[in-house]
Amino acid sequence: MKDSNIRNKKDSKTAKLPMTGSVKRGYMIFCAVVMVMTVLCMTSMTAYAAGSDPLTVVNNLSDFMFGLIRAVGLILLGFGIVQVGLSLKSHDPSQRANGFLTVAGGIIITFAKEILTLITG
């Protein structure tokens, strides 16, 4: 039995919608204006760096990067704790070992800045 709502791939055809020349030209102009406005908005940034010390800029960038690294470490730490909890529930020793390794890696990554300052002095 063939259902009237279900079509075969042979029956379905893709047809382009008719578009006149003026509509096509207007659409192309609209796309060009949107692209130009996007490029202008993305590239026009004001940088106020005339009165700042270059060492301050580098320190701010370093703090930002270590903040991102700390966030990744905290995510790994949380994932490792969840993995250890699930392994305790399912009595899976390999998953437990992977969970403890993930927790240890998350702790190391979270405190990477403090570890580096401890090593370098």
PDB file of N, CA and C in Angstrom:
ATOM      1  N   MET A   1       0.827  -1.169   0.000  1.00  0.00           N
ATOM      2  CA  MET A   1       0.000   0.000   0.000  1.00  0.00           C
ATOM      3  C   MET A   1       0.876   1.239   0.000  1.00  0.00           C
ATOM      4  N   LYS A   2       0.522   2.153  -0.805  1.00  0.00           N
ATOM      5  CA  LYS A   2       1.285   3.382  -0.930  1.00  0.00           C
ATOM      6  C   LYS A   2       0.511   4.520  -0.269  1.00  0.00           C
ATOM      7  N   ASP A   3       1.153   5.193   0.664  1.00  0.00           N
ATOM      8  CA  ASP A   3       0.535   6.311   1.349  1.00  0.00           C
ATOM      9  C   ASP A   3       0.692   7.558   0.486  1.00  0.00           C
ATOM     10  N   SER A   4      -0.329   8.366   0.408  1.00  0.00           N
ATOM     11  CA  SER A   4      -0.265   9.550  -0.451  1.00  0.00           C
ATOM     12  C   SER A   4       0.614  10.642   0.148  1.00  0.00           C
ATOM     13  N   ASN A   5       0.844  10.601   1.469  1.00  0.00           N
ATOM     14  CA  ASN A   5       1.671  11.619   2.111  1.00  0.00           C
ATOM     15  C   ASN A   5       3.158  11.349   1.957  1.00  0.00           C
ATOM     16  N   ILE A   6       3.533  10.108   1.701  1.00  0.00           N
ATOM     17  CA  ILE A   6       4.946   9.745   1.563  1.00  0.00           C
ATOM     18  C   ILE A   6       5.300   9.747   0.087  1.00  0.00           C
ATOM     19  N   ARG A   7       6.342  10.462  -0.266  1.00  0.00           N
ATOM     20  CA  ARG A   7       6.777  10.540  -1.659  1.00  0.00           C
ATOM     21  C   ARG A   7       8.069   9.762  -1.841  1.00  0.00           C
ATOM     22  N   ASN A   8       8.238   9.213  -2.997  1.00  0.00           N
ATOM     23  CA  ASN A   8       9.502   8.579  -3.353  1.00  0.00           C
ATOM     24  C   ASN A   8      10.477   9.643  -3.804  1.00  0.00           C
ATOM     25  N   LYS A   9      11.740   9.291  -3.834  1.00  0.00           N
ATOM     26  CA  LYS A   9      12.737  10.248  -4.298  1.00  0.00           C
ATOM     27  C   LYS A   9      12.555  10.558  -5.778  1.00  0.00           C
ATOM     28  N   LYS A  10      11.972   9.639  -6.517  1.00  0.00           N
ATOM     29  CA  LYS A  10      11.740   9.877  -7.939  1.00  0.00           C
ATOM     30  C   LYS A  10      10.672  10.945  -8.146  1.00  0.00           C
ATOM     31  N   ASP A  11       9.703  10.990  -7.233  1.00  0.00           N
ATOM     32  CA  ASP A  11       8.596  11.935  -7.378  1.00  0.00           C
ATOM     33  C   ASP A  11       8.970  13.362  -7.005  1.00  0.00           C
ATOM     34  N   SER A  12       9.893  13.518  -6.058  1.00  0.00           N
ATOM     35  CA  SER A  12      10.211  14.859  -5.599  1.00  0.00           C
ATOM     36  C   SER A  12      11.267  15.495  -6.496  1.00  0.00           C
ATOM     37  N   LYS A  13      10.973  16.693  -6.937  1.00  0.00           N
ATOM     38  CA  LYS A  13      11.892  17.440  -7.788  1.00  0.00           C
ATOM     39  C   LYS A  13      12.098  18.813  -7.174  1.00  0.00           C
ATOM     40  N   THR A  14      13.307  19.314  -7.312  1.00  0.00           N
ATOM     41  CA  THR A  14      13.628  20.635  -6.816  1.00  0.00           C
ATOM     42  C   THR A  14      13.526  21.621  -7.968  1.00  0.00           C
ATOM     43  N   ALA A  15      12.752  22.647  -7.750  1.00  0.00           N
ATOM     44  CA  ALA A  15      12.585  23.659  -8.792  1.00  0.00           C
ATOM     45  C   ALA A  15      12.987  25.009  -8.220  1.00  0.00           C
ATOM     46  N   LYS A  16      13.694  25.783  -9.033  1.00  0.00           N
ATOM     47  CA  LYS A  16      14.077  27.118  -8.604  1.00  0.00           C
ATOM     48  C   LYS A  16      12.875  28.042  -8.664  1.00  0.00           C
ATOM     49  N   LEU A  17      12.843  28.948  -7.708  1.00  0.00           N
ATOM     50  CA  LEU A  17      11.788  29.946  -7.730  1.00  0.00           C
ATOM     51  C   LEU A  17      12.123  30.980  -8.791  1.00  0.00           C
ATOM     52  N   PRO A  18      11.128  31.461  -9.482  1.00  0.00           N
ATOM     53  CA  PRO A  18      11.415  32.460 -10.510  1.00  0.00           C
ATOM     54  C   PRO A  18      11.835  33.785  -9.878  1.00  0.00           C
ATOM     55  N   MET A  19      12.895  34.371 -10.446  1.00  0.00           N
ATOM     56  CA  MET A  19      13.388  35.645  -9.933  1.00  0.00           C
ATOM     57  C   MET A  19      13.701  36.516 -11.141  1.00  0.00           C
ATOM     58  N   THR A  20      13.078  37.667 -11.174  1.00  0.00           N
ATOM     59  CA  THR A  20      13.304  38.552 -12.316  1.00  0.00           C
ATOM     60  C   THR A  20      14.661  39.223 -12.185  1.00  0.00           C
ATOM     61  N   GLY A  21      15.094  39.865 -13.246  1.00  0.00           N
ATOM     62  CA  GLY A  21      16.406  40.498 -13.267  1.00  0.00           C
ATOM     63  C   GLY A  21      16.554  41.613 -12.254  1.00  0.00           C
ATOM     64  N   SER A  22      15.497  42.421 -12.066  1.00  0.00           N
ATOM     65  CA  SER A  22      15.596  43.540 -11.121  1.00  0.00           C
ATOM     66  C   SER A  22      15.634  43.036  -9.672  1.00  0.00           C
ATOM     67  N   VAL A  23      14.910  41.971  -9.384  1.00  0.00           N
ATOM     68  CA  VAL A  23      14.932  41.406  -8.034  1.00  0.00           C
ATOM     69  C   VAL A  23      16.307  40.800  -7.757  1.00  0.00           C
ATOM     70  N   LYS A  24      16.858  40.118  -8.726  1.00  0.00           N
ATOM     71  CA  LYS A  24      18.176  39.515  -8.566  1.00  0.00           C
ATOM     72  C   LYS A  24      19.240  40.586  -8.364  1.00  0.00           C
ATOM     73  N   ARG A  25      19.133  41.676  -9.126  1.00  0.00           N
ATOM     74  CA  ARG A  25      20.089  42.768  -8.991  1.00  0.00           C
ATOM     75  C   ARG A  25      19.960  43.444  -7.629  1.00  0.00           C
ATOM     76  N   GLY A  26      18.741  43.651  -7.160  1.00  0.00           N
ATOM     77  CA  GLY A  26      18.515  44.240  -5.851  1.00  0.00           C
ATOM     78  C   GLY A  26      19.042  43.352  -4.734  1.00  0.00           C
ATOM     79  N   TYR A  27      18.860  42.037  -4.872  1.00  0.00           N
ATOM     80  CA  TYR A  27      19.368  41.109  -3.868  1.00  0.00           C
ATOM     81  C   TYR A  27      20.890  41.115  -3.838  1.00  0.00           C
ATOM     82  N   MET A  28      21.517  41.198  -4.994  1.00  0.00           N
ATOM     83  CA  MET A  28      22.975  41.250  -5.046  1.00  0.00           C
ATOM     84  C   MET A  28      23.495  42.536  -4.403  1.00  0.00           C
ATOM     85  N   ILE A  29      22.813  43.668  -4.627  1.00  0.00           N
ATOM     86  CA  ILE A  29      23.211  44.934  -4.012  1.00  0.00           C
ATOM     87  C   ILE A  29      23.034  44.853  -2.496  1.00  0.00           C
ATOM     88  N   PHE A  30      21.924  44.282  -2.052  1.00  0.00           N
ATOM     89  CA  PHE A  30      21.684  44.117  -0.620  1.00  0.00           C
ATOM     90  C   PHE A  30      22.777  43.267   0.030  1.00  0.00           C
ATOM     91  N   CYS A  31      23.134  42.144  -0.607  1.00  0.00           N
ATOM     92  CA  CYS A  31      24.197  41.280  -0.071  1.00  0.00           C
ATOM     93  C   CYS A  31      25.527  42.020  -0.016  1.00  0.00           C
ATOM     94  N   ALA A  32      25.828  42.799  -1.047  1.00  0.00           N
ATOM     95  CA  ALA A  32      27.084  43.549  -1.065  1.00  0.00           C
ATOM     96  C   ALA A  32      27.108  44.597   0.044  1.00  0.00           C
ATOM     97  N   VAL A  33      26.001  45.287   0.276  1.00  0.00           N
ATOM     98  CA  VAL A  33      25.933  46.298   1.337  1.00  0.00           C
ATOM     99  C   VAL A  33      26.092  45.639   2.706  1.00  0.00           C
ATOM    100  N   VAL A  34      25.454  44.498   2.909  1.00  0.00           N
ATOM    101  CA  VAL A  34      25.579  43.793   4.190  1.00  0.00           C
ATOM    102  C   VAL A  34      27.020  43.352   4.407  1.00  0.00           C
ATOM    103  N   MET A  35      27.674  42.836   3.391  1.00  0.00           N
ATOM    104  CA  MET A  35      29.070  42.405   3.520  1.00  0.00           C
ATOM    105  C   MET A  35      29.979  43.587   3.837  1.00  0.00           C
ATOM    106  N   VAL A  36      29.783  44.714   3.146  1.00  0.00           N
ATOM    107  CA  VAL A  36      30.621  45.889   3.377  1.00  0.00           C
ATOM    108  C   VAL A  36      30.408  46.413   4.796  1.00  0.00           C
ATOM    109  N   MET A  37      29.164  46.475   5.246  1.00  0.00           N
ATOM    110  CA  MET A  37      28.891  46.950   6.600  1.00  0.00           C
ATOM    111  C   MET A  37      29.494  46.010   7.645  1.00  0.00           C
ATOM    112  N   THR A  38      29.441  44.717   7.384  1.00  0.00           N
ATOM    113  CA  THR A  38      30.035  43.752   8.308  1.00  0.00           C
ATOM    114  C   THR A  38      31.537  43.945   8.396  1.00  0.00           C
ATOM    115  N   VAL A  39      32.194  44.092   7.267  1.00  0.00           N
ATOM    116  CA  VAL A  39      33.640  44.292   7.263  1.00  0.00           C
ATOM    117  C   VAL A  39      34.003  45.598   7.957  1.00  0.00           C
ATOM    118  N   LEU A  40      33.244  46.664   7.697  1.00  0.00           N
ATOM    119  CA  LEU A  40      33.532  47.949   8.333  1.00  0.00           C
ATOM    120  C   LEU A  40      33.346  47.888   9.842  1.00  0.00           C
ATOM    121  N   CYS A  41      32.304  47.223  10.294  1.00  0.00           N
ATOM    122  CA  CYS A  41      32.067  47.120  11.737  1.00  0.00           C
ATOM    123  C   CYS A  41      33.105  46.234  12.419  1.00  0.00           C
ATOM    124  N   MET A  42      33.579  45.218  11.730  1.00  0.00           N
ATOM    125  CA  MET A  42      34.537  44.302  12.342  1.00  0.00           C
ATOM    126  C   MET A  42      35.952  44.887  12.376  1.00  0.00           C
ATOM    127  N   THR A  43      36.291  45.743  11.434  1.00  0.00           N
ATOM    128  CA  THR A  43      37.662  46.228  11.350  1.00  0.00           C
ATOM    129  C   THR A  43      37.868  47.602  11.969  1.00  0.00           C
ATOM    130  N   SER A  44      36.820  48.317  12.308  1.00  0.00           N
ATOM    131  CA  SER A  44      37.005  49.654  12.860  1.00  0.00           C
ATOM    132  C   SER A  44      36.946  49.601  14.379  1.00  0.00           C
ATOM    133  N   MET A  45      38.094  49.369  14.992  1.00  0.00           N
ATOM    134  CA  MET A  45      38.207  49.367  16.443  1.00  0.00           C
ATOM    135  C   MET A  45      39.177  50.455  16.857  1.00  0.00           C
ATOM    136  N   THR A  46      38.827  51.146  17.896  1.00  0.00           N
ATOM    137  CA  THR A  46      39.703  52.178  18.410  1.00  0.00           C
ATOM    138  C   THR A  46      40.604  51.561  19.466  1.00  0.00           C
ATOM    139  N   ALA A  47      41.897  51.736  19.320  1.00  0.00           N
ATOM    140  CA  ALA A  47      42.857  51.189  20.278  1.00  0.00           C
ATOM    141  C   ALA A  47      43.473  52.340  21.057  1.00  0.00           C
ATOM    142  N   TYR A  48      43.253  52.353  22.348  1.00  0.00           N
ATOM    143  CA  TYR A  48      43.814  53.375  23.218  1.00  0.00           C
ATOM    144  C   TYR A  48      45.055  52.808  23.902  1.00  0.00           C
ATOM    145  N   ALA A  49      46.193  52.861  23.249  1.00  0.00           N
ATOM    146  CA  ALA A  49      47.408  52.292  23.810  1.00  0.00           C
ATOM    147  C   ALA A  49      48.528  53.315  23.896  1.00  0.00           C
ATOM    148  N   ALA A  50      48.218  54.574  23.728  1.00  0.00           N
ATOM    149  CA  ALA A  50      49.279  55.580  23.687  1.00  0.00           C
ATOM    150  C   ALA A  50      49.888  55.836  25.063  1.00  0.00           C
ATOM    151  N   GLY A  51      49.094  55.815  26.116  1.00  0.00           N
ATOM    152  CA  GLY A  51      49.614  56.179  27.422  1.00  0.00           C
ATOM    153  C   GLY A  51      49.926  54.996  28.326  1.00  0.00           C
ATOM    154  N   SER A  52      49.871  53.760  27.813  1.00  0.00           N
ATOM    155  CA  SER A  52      50.076  52.608  28.692  1.00  0.00           C
ATOM    156  C   SER A  52      51.481  52.039  28.518  1.00  0.00           C
ATOM    157  N   ASP A  53      51.948  51.432  29.566  1.00  0.00           N
ATOM    158  CA  ASP A  53      53.266  50.818  29.590  1.00  0.00           C
ATOM    159  C   ASP A  53      53.191  49.459  28.886  1.00  0.00           C
ATOM    160  N   PRO A  54      54.132  49.129  28.008  1.00  0.00           N
ATOM    161  CA  PRO A  54      54.092  47.832  27.319  1.00  0.00           C
ATOM    162  C   PRO A  54      54.164  46.643  28.283  1.00  0.00           C
ATOM    163  N   LEU A  55      54.877  46.808  29.389  1.00  0.00           N
ATOM    164  CA  LEU A  55      54.964  45.725  30.364  1.00  0.00           C
ATOM    165  C   LEU A  55      53.618  45.467  31.028  1.00  0.00           C
ATOM    166  N   THR A  56      52.832  46.515  31.225  1.00  0.00           N
ATOM    167  CA  THR A  56      51.494  46.363  31.782  1.00  0.00           C
ATOM    168  C   THR A  56      50.593  45.607  30.820  1.00  0.00           C
ATOM    169  N   VAL A  57      50.731  45.910  29.537  1.00  0.00           N
ATOM    170  CA  VAL A  57      49.929  45.216  28.526  1.00  0.00           C
ATOM    171  C   VAL A  57      50.267  43.733  28.510  1.00  0.00           C
ATOM    172  N   VAL A  58      51.545  43.395  28.566  1.00  0.00           N
ATOM    173  CA  VAL A  58      51.967  41.991  28.569  1.00  0.00           C
ATOM    174  C   VAL A  58      51.476  41.288  29.832  1.00  0.00           C
ATOM    175  N   ASN A  59      51.554  41.958  30.975  1.00  0.00           N
ATOM    176  CA  ASN A  59      51.060  41.362  32.220  1.00  0.00           C
ATOM    177  C   ASN A  59      49.554  41.138  32.177  1.00  0.00           C
ATOM    178  N   ASN A  60      48.810  42.077  31.600  1.00  0.00           N
ATOM    179  CA  ASN A  60      47.365  41.902  31.473  1.00  0.00           C
ATOM    180  C   ASN A  60      47.034  40.729  30.560  1.00  0.00           C
ATOM    181  N   LEU A  61      47.782  40.605  29.467  1.00  0.00           N
ATOM    182  CA  LEU A  61      47.571  39.477  28.555  1.00  0.00           C
ATOM    183  C   LEU A  61      47.908  38.161  29.249  1.00  0.00           C
ATOM    184  N   SER A  62      48.975  38.153  30.019  1.00  0.00           N
ATOM    185  CA  SER A  62      49.360  36.954  30.764  1.00  0.00           C
ATOM    186  C   SER A  62      48.284  36.571  31.774  1.00  0.00           C
ATOM    187  N   ASP A  63      47.742  37.554  32.483  1.00  0.00           N
ATOM    188  CA  ASP A  63      46.668  37.268  33.439  1.00  0.00           C
ATOM    189  C   ASP A  63      45.429  36.719  32.741  1.00  0.00           C
ATOM    190  N   PHE A  64      45.112  37.281  31.588  1.00  0.00           N
ATOM    191  CA  PHE A  64      43.964  36.805  30.827  1.00  0.00           C
ATOM    192  C   PHE A  64      44.159  35.356  30.380  1.00  0.00           C
ATOM    193  N   MET A  65      45.346  35.050  29.846  1.00  0.00           N
ATOM    194  CA  MET A  65      45.615  33.684  29.372  1.00  0.00           C
ATOM    195  C   MET A  65      45.597  32.696  30.530  1.00  0.00           C
ATOM    196  N   PHE A  66      46.185  33.059  31.660  1.00  0.00           N
ATOM    197  CA  PHE A  66      46.158  32.155  32.804  1.00  0.00           C
ATOM    198  C   PHE A  66      44.751  32.014  33.371  1.00  0.00           C
ATOM    199  N   GLY A  67      43.918  33.024  33.213  1.00  0.00           N
ATOM    200  CA  GLY A  67      42.514  32.903  33.602  1.00  0.00           C
ATOM    201  C   GLY A  67      41.776  31.886  32.747  1.00  0.00           C
ATOM    202  N   LEU A  68      42.053  31.919  31.435  1.00  0.00           N
ATOM    203  CA  LEU A  68      41.455  30.923  30.545  1.00  0.00           C
ATOM    204  C   LEU A  68      41.945  29.521  30.883  1.00  0.00           C
ATOM    205  N   ILE A  69      43.248  29.398  31.154  1.00  0.00           N
ATOM    206  CA  ILE A  69      43.809  28.091  31.503  1.00  0.00           C
ATOM    207  C   ILE A  69      43.194  27.593  32.808  1.00  0.00           C
ATOM    208  N   ARG A  70      42.995  28.491  33.774  1.00  0.00           N
ATOM    209  CA  ARG A  70      42.368  28.110  35.041  1.00  0.00           C
ATOM    210  C   ARG A  70      40.937  27.625  34.813  1.00  0.00           C
ATOM    211  N   ALA A  71      40.204  28.283  33.904  1.00  0.00           N
ATOM    212  CA  ALA A  71      38.830  27.852  33.605  1.00  0.00           C
ATOM    213  C   ALA A  71      38.812  26.444  33.006  1.00  0.00           C
ATOM    214  N   VAL A  72      39.734  26.164  32.094  1.00  0.00           N
ATOM    215  CA  VAL A  72      39.817  24.821  31.510  1.00  0.00           C
ATOM    216  C   VAL A  72      40.175  23.802  32.588  1.00  0.00           C
ATOM    217  N   GLY A  73      41.086  24.162  33.491  1.00  0.00           N
ATOM    218  CA  GLY A  73      41.460  23.263  34.574  1.00  0.00           C
ATOM    219  C   GLY A  73      40.295  22.960  35.497  1.00  0.00           C
ATOM    220  N   LEU A  74      39.480  23.970  35.793  1.00  0.00           N
ATOM    221  CA  LEU A  74      38.316  23.742  36.650  1.00  0.00           C
ATOM    222  C   LEU A  74      37.284  22.858  35.969  1.00  0.00           C
ATOM    223  N   ILE A  75      37.132  23.013  34.656  1.00  0.00           N
ATOM    224  CA  ILE A  75      36.213  22.143  33.912  1.00  0.00           C
ATOM    225  C   ILE A  75      36.708  20.698  33.966  1.00  0.00           C
ATOM    226  N   LEU A  76      38.010  20.503  33.751  1.00  0.00           N
ATOM    227  CA  LEU A  76      38.572  19.151  33.829  1.00  0.00           C
ATOM    228  C   LEU A  76      38.448  18.579  35.242  1.00  0.00           C
ATOM    229  N   LEU A  77      38.650  19.407  36.228  1.00  0.00           N
ATOM    230  CA  LEU A  77      38.526  18.964  37.613  1.00  0.00           C
ATOM    231  C   LEU A  77      37.098  18.493  37.909  1.00  0.00           C
ATOM    232  N   GLY A  78      36.132  19.263  37.480  1.00  0.00           N
ATOM    233  CA  GLY A  78      34.730  18.858  37.668  1.00  0.00           C
ATOM    234  C   GLY A  78      34.386  17.590  36.918  1.00  0.00           C
ATOM    235  N   PHE A  79      34.883  17.469  35.679  1.00  0.00           N
ATOM    236  CA  PHE A  79      34.624  16.265  34.900  1.00  0.00           C
ATOM    237  C   PHE A  79      35.265  15.045  35.552  1.00  0.00           C
ATOM    238  N   GLY A  80      36.462  15.204  36.098  1.00  0.00           N
ATOM    239  CA  GLY A  80      37.135  14.096  36.768  1.00  0.00           C
ATOM    240  C   GLY A  80      36.386  13.651  38.010  1.00  0.00           C
ATOM    241  N   ILE A  81      35.852  14.609  38.775  1.00  0.00           N
ATOM    242  CA  ILE A  81      35.087  14.255  39.971  1.00  0.00           C
ATOM    243  C   ILE A  81      33.829  13.489  39.587  1.00  0.00           C
ATOM    244  N   VAL A  82      33.155  13.922  38.519  1.00  0.00           N
ATOM    245  CA  VAL A  82      31.967  13.198  38.046  1.00  0.00           C
ATOM    246  C   VAL A  82      32.349  11.796  37.590  1.00  0.00           C
ATOM    247  N   GLN A  83      33.473  11.672  36.899  1.00  0.00           N
ATOM    248  CA  GLN A  83      33.918  10.373  36.404  1.00  0.00           C
ATOM    249  C   GLN A  83      34.255   9.430  37.565  1.00  0.00           C
ATOM    250  N   VAL A  84      34.888   9.929  38.610  1.00  0.00           N
ATOM    251  CA  VAL A  84      35.186   9.096  39.786  1.00  0.00           C
ATOM    252  C   VAL A  84      33.882   8.680  40.462  1.00  0.00           C
ATOM    253  N   GLY A  85      32.947   9.588  40.577  1.00  0.00           N
ATOM    254  CA  GLY A  85      31.658   9.250  41.186  1.00  0.00           C
ATOM    255  C   GLY A  85      30.913   8.179  40.411  1.00  0.00           C
ATOM    256  N   LEU A  86      30.915   8.294  39.090  1.00  0.00           N
ATOM    257  CA  LEU A  86      30.250   7.277  38.275  1.00  0.00           C
ATOM    258  C   LEU A  86      30.964   5.936  38.364  1.00  0.00           C
ATOM    259  N   SER A  87      32.290   5.961  38.484  1.00  0.00           N
ATOM    260  CA  SER A  87      33.027   4.700  38.572  1.00  0.00           C
ATOM    261  C   SER A  87      32.781   4.021  39.917  1.00  0.00           C
ATOM    262  N   LEU A  88      32.589   4.809  40.969  1.00  0.00           N
ATOM    263  CA  LEU A  88      32.263   4.208  42.263  1.00  0.00           C
ATOM    264  C   LEU A  88      30.885   3.563  42.238  1.00  0.00           C
ATOM    265  N   LYS A  89      29.980   4.149  41.467  1.00  0.00           N
ATOM    266  CA  LYS A  89      28.642   3.587  41.364  1.00  0.00           C
ATOM    267  C   LYS A  89      28.643   2.295  40.551  1.00  0.00           C
ATOM    268  N   SER A  90      29.428   2.258  39.463  1.00  0.00           N
ATOM    269  CA  SER A  90      29.413   1.094  38.578  1.00  0.00           C
ATOM    270  C   SER A  90      30.503   0.077  38.888  1.00  0.00           C
ATOM    271  N   HIS A  91      31.349   0.345  39.874  1.00  0.00           N
ATOM    272  CA  HIS A  91      32.439  -0.562  40.273  1.00  0.00           C
ATOM    273  C   HIS A  91      33.376  -0.865  39.107  1.00  0.00           C
ATOM    274  N   ASP A  92      33.755   0.181  38.375  1.00  0.00           N
ATOM    275  CA  ASP A  92      34.648   0.018  37.229  1.00  0.00           C
ATOM    276  C   ASP A  92      36.018   0.582  37.584  1.00  0.00           C
ATOM    277  N   PRO A  93      37.035  -0.295  37.783  1.00  0.00           N
ATOM    278  CA  PRO A  93      38.350   0.204  38.215  1.00  0.00           C
ATOM    279  C   PRO A  93      39.083   1.016  37.147  1.00  0.00           C
ATOM    280  N   SER A  94      38.904   0.694  35.863  1.00  0.00           N
ATOM    281  CA  SER A  94      39.610   1.471  34.828  1.00  0.00           C
ATOM    282  C   SER A  94      39.033   2.880  34.719  1.00  0.00           C
ATOM    283  N   GLN A  95      37.718   2.982  34.854  1.00  0.00           N
ATOM    284  CA  GLN A  95      37.107   4.313  34.830  1.00  0.00           C
ATOM    285  C   GLN A  95      37.502   5.106  36.074  1.00  0.00           C
ATOM    286  N   ARG A  96      37.669   4.430  37.188  1.00  0.00           N
ATOM    287  CA  ARG A  96      38.096   5.088  38.422  1.00  0.00           C
ATOM    288  C   ARG A  96      39.508   5.640  38.271  1.00  0.00           C
ATOM    289  N   ALA A  97      40.386   4.835  37.647  1.00  0.00           N
ATOM    290  CA  ALA A  97      41.760   5.299  37.432  1.00  0.00           C
ATOM    291  C   ALA A  97      41.784   6.496  36.488  1.00  0.00           C
ATOM    292  N   ASN A  98      40.995   6.440  35.420  1.00  0.00           N
ATOM    293  CA  ASN A  98      40.921   7.582  34.501  1.00  0.00           C
ATOM    294  C   ASN A  98      40.355   8.808  35.196  1.00  0.00           C
ATOM    295  N   GLY A  99      39.385   8.606  36.088  1.00  0.00           N
ATOM    296  CA  GLY A  99      38.811   9.727  36.824  1.00  0.00           C
ATOM    297  C   GLY A  99      39.824  10.385  37.743  1.00  0.00           C
ATOM    298  N   PHE A 100      40.611   9.570  38.464  1.00  0.00           N
ATOM    299  CA  PHE A 100      41.626  10.145  39.350  1.00  0.00           C
ATOM    300  C   PHE A 100      42.722  10.855  38.554  1.00  0.00           C
ATOM    301  N   LEU A 101      43.075  10.315  37.377  1.00  0.00           N
ATOM    302  CA  LEU A 101      44.064  10.995  36.528  1.00  0.00           C
ATOM    303  C   LEU A 101      43.514  12.323  36.007  1.00  0.00           C
ATOM    304  N   THR A 102      42.230  12.350  35.673  1.00  0.00           N
ATOM    305  CA  THR A 102      41.614  13.595  35.207  1.00  0.00           C
ATOM    306  C   THR A 102      41.549  14.620  36.341  1.00  0.00           C
ATOM    307  N   VAL A 103      41.248  14.168  37.554  1.00  0.00           N
ATOM    308  CA  VAL A 103      41.226  15.078  38.709  1.00  0.00           C
ATOM    309  C   VAL A 103      42.623  15.649  38.942  1.00  0.00           C
ATOM    310  N   ALA A 104      43.648  14.780  38.879  1.00  0.00           N
ATOM    311  CA  ALA A 104      45.023  15.256  39.094  1.00  0.00           C
ATOM    312  C   ALA A 104      45.430  16.242  38.002  1.00  0.00           C
ATOM    313  N   GLY A 105      45.088  15.937  36.756  1.00  0.00           N
ATOM    314  CA  GLY A 105      45.398  16.870  35.661  1.00  0.00           C
ATOM    315  C   GLY A 105      44.667  18.183  35.800  1.00  0.00           C
ATOM    316  N   GLY A 106      43.407  18.132  36.242  1.00  0.00           N
ATOM    317  CA  GLY A 106      42.640  19.358  36.452  1.00  0.00           C
ATOM    318  C   GLY A 106      43.231  20.215  37.548  1.00  0.00           C
ATOM    319  N   ILE A 107      43.716  19.574  38.616  1.00  0.00           N
ATOM    320  CA  ILE A 107      44.350  20.336  39.701  1.00  0.00           C
ATOM    321  C   ILE A 107      45.632  20.991  39.210  1.00  0.00           C
ATOM    322  N   ILE A 108      46.431  20.245  38.452  1.00  0.00           N
ATOM    323  CA  ILE A 108      47.687  20.806  37.935  1.00  0.00           C
ATOM    324  C   ILE A 108      47.419  21.966  36.982  1.00  0.00           C
ATOM    325  N   ILE A 109      46.441  21.807  36.097  1.00  0.00           N
ATOM    326  CA  ILE A 109      46.134  22.875  35.142  1.00  0.00           C
ATOM    327  C   ILE A 109      45.535  24.085  35.862  1.00  0.00           C
ATOM    328  N   THR A 110      44.694  23.844  36.864  1.00  0.00           N
ATOM    329  CA  THR A 110      44.079  24.952  37.599  1.00  0.00           C
ATOM    330  C   THR A 110      45.127  25.809  38.302  1.00  0.00           C
ATOM    331  N   PHE A 111      46.125  25.168  38.882  1.00  0.00           N
ATOM    332  CA  PHE A 111      47.143  25.905  39.623  1.00  0.00           C
ATOM    333  C   PHE A 111      48.442  26.039  38.829  1.00  0.00           C
ATOM    334  N   ALA A 112      48.341  26.121  37.492  1.00  0.00           N
ATOM    335  CA  ALA A 112      49.539  26.208  36.643  1.00  0.00           C
ATOM    336  C   ALA A 112      50.323  27.488  36.901  1.00  0.00           C
ATOM    337  N   LYS A 113      49.650  28.610  37.079  1.00  0.00           N
ATOM    338  CA  LYS A 113      50.349  29.874  37.307  1.00  0.00           C
ATOM    339  C   LYS A 113      51.120  29.843  38.621  1.00  0.00           C
ATOM    340  N   GLU A 114      50.486  29.332  39.670  1.00  0.00           N
ATOM    341  CA  GLU A 114      51.146  29.257  40.954  1.00  0.00           C
ATOM    342  C   GLU A 114      52.324  28.286  40.922  1.00  0.00           C
ATOM    343  N   ILE A 115      52.170  27.187  40.183  1.00  0.00           N
ATOM    344  CA  ILE A 115      53.270  26.221  40.055  1.00  0.00           C
ATOM    345  C   ILE A 115      54.446  26.850  39.306  1.00  0.00           C
ATOM    346  N   LEU A 116      54.146  27.592  38.232  1.00  0.00           N
ATOM    347  CA  LEU A 116      55.227  28.232  37.474  1.00  0.00           C
ATOM    348  C   LEU A 116      55.946  29.304  38.287  1.00  0.00           C
ATOM    349  N   THR A 117      55.190  30.081  39.057  1.00  0.00           N
ATOM    350  CA  THR A 117      55.856  31.104  39.894  1.00  0.00           C
ATOM    351  C   THR A 117      56.660  30.456  41.024  1.00  0.00           C
ATOM    352  N   LEU A 118      56.224  29.289  41.514  1.00  0.00           N
ATOM    353  CA  LEU A 118      56.955  28.570  42.539  1.00  0.00           C
ATOM    354  C   LEU A 118      58.280  28.015  41.968  1.00  0.00           C
ATOM    355  N   ILE A 119      58.230  27.539  40.721  1.00  0.00           N
ATOM    356  CA  ILE A 119      59.429  26.980  40.094  1.00  0.00           C
ATOM    357  C   ILE A 119      60.428  28.085  39.756  1.00  0.00           C
ATOM    358  N   THR A 120      59.928  29.171  39.159  1.00  0.00           N
ATOM    359  CA  THR A 120      60.839  30.237  38.709  1.00  0.00           C
ATOM    360  C   THR A 120      61.290  31.142  39.848  1.00  0.00           C
ATOM    361  N   GLY A 121      60.569  31.174  40.926  1.00  0.00           N
ATOM    362  CA  GLY A 121      61.025  31.951  42.083  1.00  0.00           C
ATOM    363  C   GLY A 121      60.400  33.249  42.220  1.00  0.00           C
TER     364      GLY A 121
END
